[in-house]
Amino acid sequence: MGDLSALEAVIIAIVEGLTEFLPVSSTGHMIITQHLLGVESTEFVKAFTFIIQFGAILSVVVLYWKRFFRLNRTPLPEGTPGWKRFLHRFDFYWKLLVAFIPAAVLGLLFSDAIDAMLESVTVVAVMLVIGGVFMLFCDRIFGNGSEKTQLTERRAFLIGLFQCISMIPGVSRSMATIVGGMSQKLTRKTAAEFSFFLAVPTMLAAMLYKMWKLFSDGGTELIMNNLTPLIVGNVVAFVVALLAIKFFISFVTKYGFKLFGWYRIIVGGLILIMLWMGYDLQVV
């Protein structure tokens, strides 16, 4: 299987599926996983870690397919302008677009700066710990919101601004968007579900952009020669992410985020200790 053995590909895909939608930072987990496996950070391994995100993305669409492919058919008052009727009918997609725009714009403008930060394992570890400490108190700060709170365009846009914070490696896109939703008085469950929905255009755009850069740099042969681990990785990431999302929604609705906060602190602390002991950790 080229640069990855079958077992290594499966393990990395399991870690991706487990951590992508949980507020624990998939980047931090990839650092530790790659180091423990002794996998060299080759061009293919780097490509593998972002291509298998497609499997994770697909799990959200499959799990929530009724929500993803349903138009808003609630009636509007007579005389409502045509453009408002159009936006109303495609309300779900429109709010996803509004929330997606901030990260899309900043991602394109500061792509190189983000990649430079990603090279710093210390930044990832420190942000894991800081984010973990915040998560210990976020339930107390925001409460559990209200079932009556509606996801308006303004709230969607503000959640999109929160998502931009996750461009700092180690913050976790899931954590940033869920906290953004809770700051807008959404319930933990509603905030988490919208975070999953928003992940689809955000992660898909990022993946396609990286794929375009890879192919532009002559990576077509690299991909074609390693189709087997890529297919295996996507299938495993899909199944594991499906199970992780179901668990997370159930758990966070009942118990909140404190356990995830402690977990982030432990993982971030583990990375910092490994760095202090002289381990050469490489970001995947």
Protein backbone atom coordinates (compact mmCIF):
# COMPACT_ATOMS: atom_id res chain seq x y z
CA MET A 1 0.00 0.00 0.00
CA GLY A 2 2.85 2.37 -0.78
CA ASP A 3 3.90 4.70 2.05
CA LEU A 4 1.24 3.26 4.37
CA SER A 5 0.61 -0.33 5.39
CA ALA A 6 -3.00 -1.56 5.45
CA LEU A 7 -3.02 -1.41 9.27
CA GLU A 8 -1.56 2.12 9.36
CA ALA A 9 -4.12 3.36 6.84
CA VAL A 10 -6.97 1.88 8.89
CA ILE A 11 -5.68 3.29 12.20
CA ILE A 12 -5.23 6.81 10.79
CA ALA A 13 -8.70 6.65 9.21
CA ILE A 14 -10.21 5.55 12.54
CA VAL A 15 -8.57 8.52 14.29
CA GLU A 16 -9.84 10.87 11.57
CA GLY A 17 -13.39 9.52 11.81
CA LEU A 18 -13.41 9.68 15.61
CA THR A 19 -11.99 13.16 16.02
CA GLU A 20 -13.13 15.20 13.01
CA PHE A 21 -16.55 16.10 14.43
CA LEU A 22 -15.70 16.01 18.13
CA PRO A 23 -14.39 19.20 19.81
CA VAL A 24 -10.97 17.67 20.44
CA SER A 25 -8.85 18.71 17.40
CA SER A 26 -8.19 16.08 14.76
CA THR A 27 -4.80 17.75 14.06
CA GLY A 28 -3.53 17.06 17.59
CA HIS A 29 -4.60 13.45 17.36
CA MET A 30 -2.96 13.00 13.96
CA ILE A 31 0.34 14.27 15.40
CA ILE A 32 0.31 11.68 18.19
CA THR A 33 -0.98 8.87 15.94
CA GLN A 34 1.62 9.41 13.25
CA HIS A 35 4.39 9.54 15.83
CA LEU A 36 3.25 6.40 17.64
CA LEU A 37 2.99 4.53 14.35
CA GLY A 38 6.37 5.79 13.21
CA VAL A 39 4.86 6.92 9.89
CA GLU A 40 7.03 9.32 7.92
CA SER A 41 5.27 12.49 6.79
CA THR A 42 5.67 11.92 3.04
CA GLU A 43 3.71 13.74 0.35
CA PHE A 44 1.31 10.82 0.05
CA VAL A 45 0.72 10.58 3.81
CA LYS A 46 -0.10 14.29 3.89
CA ALA A 47 -2.47 13.82 0.94
CA PHE A 48 -4.03 10.75 2.57
CA THR A 49 -4.94 12.66 5.76
CA PHE A 50 -6.98 15.28 3.91
CA ILE A 51 -8.45 13.06 1.19
CA ILE A 52 -10.01 10.66 3.73
CA GLN A 53 -11.94 13.64 5.10
CA PHE A 54 -14.34 12.97 2.23
CA GLY A 55 -15.50 9.81 3.98
CA ALA A 56 -16.12 11.78 7.18
CA ILE A 57 -18.03 14.47 5.25
CA LEU A 58 -20.19 11.83 3.57
CA SER A 59 -21.19 10.43 6.97
CA VAL A 60 -22.92 13.72 7.84
CA VAL A 61 -24.85 13.79 4.57
CA VAL A 62 -25.97 10.17 4.99
CA LEU A 63 -26.92 10.56 8.67
CA TYR A 64 -28.89 13.76 8.05
CA TRP A 65 -29.95 13.15 4.45
CA LYS A 66 -33.57 14.16 5.12
CA ARG A 67 -32.41 17.55 6.38
CA PHE A 68 -29.85 17.97 3.60
CA PHE A 69 -32.21 17.33 0.73
CA ARG A 70 -35.41 18.95 1.96
CA LEU A 71 -36.68 22.34 0.83
CA ASN A 72 -38.58 24.70 3.12
CA ARG A 73 -42.24 24.49 2.07
CA THR A 74 -43.82 26.48 4.90
CA PRO A 75 -46.18 29.12 3.41
CA LEU A 76 -45.29 32.80 3.21
CA PRO A 77 -47.70 35.79 3.32
CA GLU A 78 -49.31 36.86 0.06
CA GLY A 79 -47.31 39.47 -1.80
CA THR A 80 -43.90 38.26 -0.59
CA PRO A 81 -41.28 39.20 -3.25
CA GLY A 82 -40.01 36.41 -5.48
CA TRP A 83 -36.43 36.64 -4.23
CA LYS A 84 -37.59 36.22 -0.64
CA ARG A 85 -39.67 33.22 -1.65
CA PHE A 86 -36.60 31.72 -3.32
CA LEU A 87 -34.38 32.24 -0.26
CA HIS A 88 -37.15 30.91 1.97
CA ARG A 89 -37.44 27.73 -0.08
CA PHE A 90 -33.67 27.16 0.01
CA ASP A 91 -33.39 28.45 3.58
CA PHE A 92 -31.19 25.59 4.83
CA TYR A 93 -28.61 26.00 2.03
CA TRP A 94 -28.70 29.79 2.23
CA LYS A 95 -27.80 29.80 5.94
CA LEU A 96 -25.03 27.27 5.34
CA LEU A 97 -23.63 29.56 2.63
CA VAL A 98 -23.84 32.61 4.91
CA ALA A 99 -21.97 30.71 7.65
CA PHE A 100 -19.42 29.31 5.19
CA ILE A 101 -18.40 32.64 3.59
CA PRO A 102 -16.17 34.06 6.40
CA ALA A 103 -13.93 30.98 6.55
CA ALA A 104 -13.84 30.70 2.76
CA VAL A 105 -12.67 34.29 2.34
CA LEU A 106 -10.10 34.21 5.16
CA GLY A 107 -8.92 30.75 4.13
CA LEU A 108 -8.09 31.96 0.62
CA LEU A 109 -6.48 35.20 1.84
CA PHE A 110 -4.33 33.65 4.56
CA SER A 111 -3.72 30.13 3.26
CA ASP A 112 0.07 30.39 3.52
CA ALA A 113 -0.03 31.86 7.04
CA ILE A 114 -2.36 29.05 8.17
CA ASP A 115 -0.04 26.41 6.69
CA ALA A 116 2.90 28.08 8.48
CA MET A 117 1.08 27.88 11.84
CA LEU A 118 0.29 24.24 11.14
CA GLU A 119 4.01 23.54 11.12
CA SER A 120 4.19 24.47 14.82
CA VAL A 121 3.33 21.48 16.98
CA THR A 122 3.69 23.73 20.03
CA VAL A 123 0.85 25.97 18.78
CA VAL A 124 -1.38 22.90 18.36
CA ALA A 125 -0.62 21.61 21.86
CA VAL A 126 -1.05 24.99 23.58
CA MET A 127 -4.38 25.64 21.82
CA LEU A 128 -5.58 22.16 22.80
CA VAL A 129 -4.94 23.00 26.46
CA ILE A 130 -6.41 26.52 26.27
CA GLY A 131 -9.49 25.25 24.43
CA GLY A 132 -9.83 22.45 26.97
CA VAL A 133 -9.81 24.87 29.90
CA PHE A 134 -12.48 26.95 28.14
CA MET A 135 -14.64 23.89 27.56
CA LEU A 136 -14.63 23.12 31.28
CA PHE A 137 -16.65 26.29 31.79
CA CYS A 138 -18.55 26.81 28.50
CA ASP A 139 -21.70 25.04 29.75
CA ARG A 140 -21.77 27.37 32.73
CA ILE A 141 -21.08 30.44 30.56
CA PHE A 142 -23.67 29.76 27.85
CA GLY A 143 -26.13 27.37 29.49
CA ASN A 144 -28.08 25.01 27.26
CA GLY A 145 -29.88 27.64 25.19
CA SER A 146 -33.53 27.47 24.23
CA GLU A 147 -35.49 25.20 21.91
CA LYS A 148 -37.35 28.32 20.78
CA THR A 149 -34.20 30.02 19.43
CA GLN A 150 -34.31 30.14 15.63
CA LEU A 151 -31.21 29.95 13.44
CA THR A 152 -31.40 33.30 11.63
CA GLU A 153 -29.04 34.57 8.92
CA ARG A 154 -27.33 36.82 11.48
CA ARG A 155 -26.75 33.92 13.87
CA ALA A 156 -25.47 31.74 11.01
CA PHE A 157 -23.00 34.46 9.99
CA LEU A 158 -21.74 34.88 13.57
CA ILE A 159 -21.23 31.12 13.85
CA GLY A 160 -19.25 31.38 10.60
CA LEU A 161 -17.04 34.03 12.22
CA PHE A 162 -16.42 31.69 15.15
CA GLN A 163 -15.42 29.00 12.66
CA CYS A 164 -12.57 31.27 11.51
CA ILE A 165 -10.95 30.88 14.94
CA SER A 166 -10.43 27.20 14.11
CA MET A 167 -7.89 28.23 11.47
CA ILE A 168 -5.49 28.32 14.41
CA PRO A 169 -4.31 24.68 14.57
CA GLY A 170 -5.45 22.89 17.71
CA VAL A 171 -8.57 24.97 18.26
CA SER A 172 -10.90 22.44 16.57
CA ARG A 173 -13.42 23.49 13.95
CA SER A 174 -16.12 21.56 15.78
CA MET A 175 -15.41 23.29 19.08
CA ALA A 176 -15.34 26.76 17.54
CA THR A 177 -18.64 26.37 15.69
CA ILE A 178 -20.45 24.67 18.57
CA VAL A 179 -19.35 27.42 20.96
CA GLY A 180 -20.46 29.94 18.32
CA GLY A 181 -23.88 28.32 18.22
CA MET A 182 -24.18 28.23 22.00
CA SER A 183 -23.22 31.93 22.16
CA GLN A 184 -26.28 32.56 19.98
CA LYS A 185 -28.54 30.80 22.53
CA LEU A 186 -28.90 27.60 20.48
CA THR A 187 -29.21 24.37 22.46
CA ARG A 188 -26.15 22.14 22.66
CA LYS A 189 -27.81 19.66 20.30
CA THR A 190 -28.82 22.29 17.72
CA ALA A 191 -25.39 23.95 17.86
CA ALA A 192 -23.65 20.58 17.40
CA GLU A 193 -25.88 19.58 14.47
CA PHE A 194 -25.34 22.89 12.68
CA SER A 195 -21.61 22.42 13.26
CA PHE A 196 -21.84 19.09 11.44
CA PHE A 197 -23.84 20.64 8.58
CA LEU A 198 -21.36 23.50 8.23
CA ALA A 199 -18.51 21.00 8.12
CA VAL A 200 -19.76 19.68 4.76
CA PRO A 201 -19.14 22.79 2.59
CA THR A 202 -16.17 23.91 4.70
CA MET A 203 -14.26 20.63 4.68
CA LEU A 204 -15.25 19.84 1.10
CA ALA A 205 -13.96 23.22 -0.11
CA ALA A 206 -10.70 22.83 1.83
CA MET A 207 -10.24 19.28 0.53
CA LEU A 208 -10.90 20.27 -3.10
CA TYR A 209 -8.53 23.24 -2.79
CA LYS A 210 -5.75 20.98 -1.49
CA MET A 211 -6.52 18.42 -4.19
CA TRP A 212 -6.25 21.13 -6.84
CA LYS A 213 -2.87 22.23 -5.44
CA LEU A 214 -1.72 18.61 -5.31
CA PHE A 215 -2.65 17.92 -8.93
CA SER A 216 -1.19 21.28 -10.02
CA ASP A 217 2.12 20.18 -8.52
CA GLY A 218 2.06 16.93 -10.48
CA GLY A 219 0.50 14.68 -7.87
CA THR A 220 -1.80 12.75 -10.23
CA GLU A 221 0.53 9.73 -10.40
CA LEU A 222 0.94 9.79 -6.62
CA ILE A 223 -2.83 9.41 -6.17
CA MET A 224 -3.33 6.84 -8.94
CA ASN A 225 -0.58 4.63 -7.51
CA ASN A 226 -2.18 4.64 -4.05
CA LEU A 227 -5.90 4.20 -4.74
CA THR A 228 -6.26 1.18 -2.45
CA PRO A 229 -5.29 2.92 0.84
CA LEU A 230 -7.35 5.96 -0.16
CA ILE A 231 -10.47 3.86 -0.74
CA VAL A 232 -9.93 1.88 2.47
CA GLY A 233 -9.28 5.09 4.41
CA ASN A 234 -12.44 6.78 3.17
CA VAL A 235 -14.64 3.76 3.93
CA VAL A 236 -13.25 3.42 7.46
CA ALA A 237 -13.47 7.18 8.14
CA PHE A 238 -17.08 7.15 6.92
CA VAL A 239 -18.20 4.30 9.21
CA VAL A 240 -16.32 5.56 12.28
CA ALA A 241 -17.49 9.18 11.82
CA LEU A 242 -21.07 7.95 11.53
CA LEU A 243 -20.80 6.21 14.91
CA ALA A 244 -18.89 9.13 16.48
CA ILE A 245 -21.57 11.66 15.50
CA LYS A 246 -24.37 9.53 16.94
CA PHE A 247 -22.45 9.09 20.19
CA PHE A 248 -21.51 12.76 20.44
CA ILE A 249 -25.05 14.12 19.97
CA SER A 250 -26.40 11.77 22.62
CA PHE A 251 -23.56 12.40 25.07
CA VAL A 252 -23.35 16.18 24.79
CA THR A 253 -27.12 16.60 25.07
CA LYS A 254 -27.07 14.80 28.43
CA TYR A 255 -23.69 15.71 29.92
CA GLY A 256 -22.31 18.83 28.20
CA PHE A 257 -18.67 19.47 27.28
CA LYS A 258 -16.66 19.17 30.50
CA LEU A 259 -15.33 15.68 29.74
CA PHE A 260 -14.10 16.85 26.32
CA GLY A 261 -12.38 19.77 28.05
CA TRP A 262 -10.41 17.47 30.34
CA TYR A 263 -9.61 15.20 27.39
CA ARG A 264 -8.19 18.14 25.37
CA ILE A 265 -6.03 19.19 28.32
CA ILE A 266 -4.64 15.65 28.63
CA VAL A 267 -3.88 15.33 24.89
CA GLY A 268 -2.34 18.82 24.67
CA GLY A 269 -0.32 18.18 27.83
CA LEU A 270 0.89 14.84 26.41
CA ILE A 271 2.16 16.58 23.26
CA LEU A 272 3.93 19.28 25.31
CA ILE A 273 5.59 16.63 27.50
CA MET A 274 6.74 14.71 24.42
CA LEU A 275 8.20 17.92 22.96
CA TRP A 276 9.91 18.71 26.29
CA MET A 277 11.42 15.21 26.30
CA GLY A 278 12.91 15.87 22.87
CA TYR A 279 10.61 13.89 20.59
CA ASP A 280 10.60 15.21 17.03
CA LEU A 281 6.86 15.45 16.41
CA GLN A 282 5.85 16.23 12.85
CA VAL A 283 2.47 17.72 11.93
CA VAL A 284 0.73 15.56 9.34
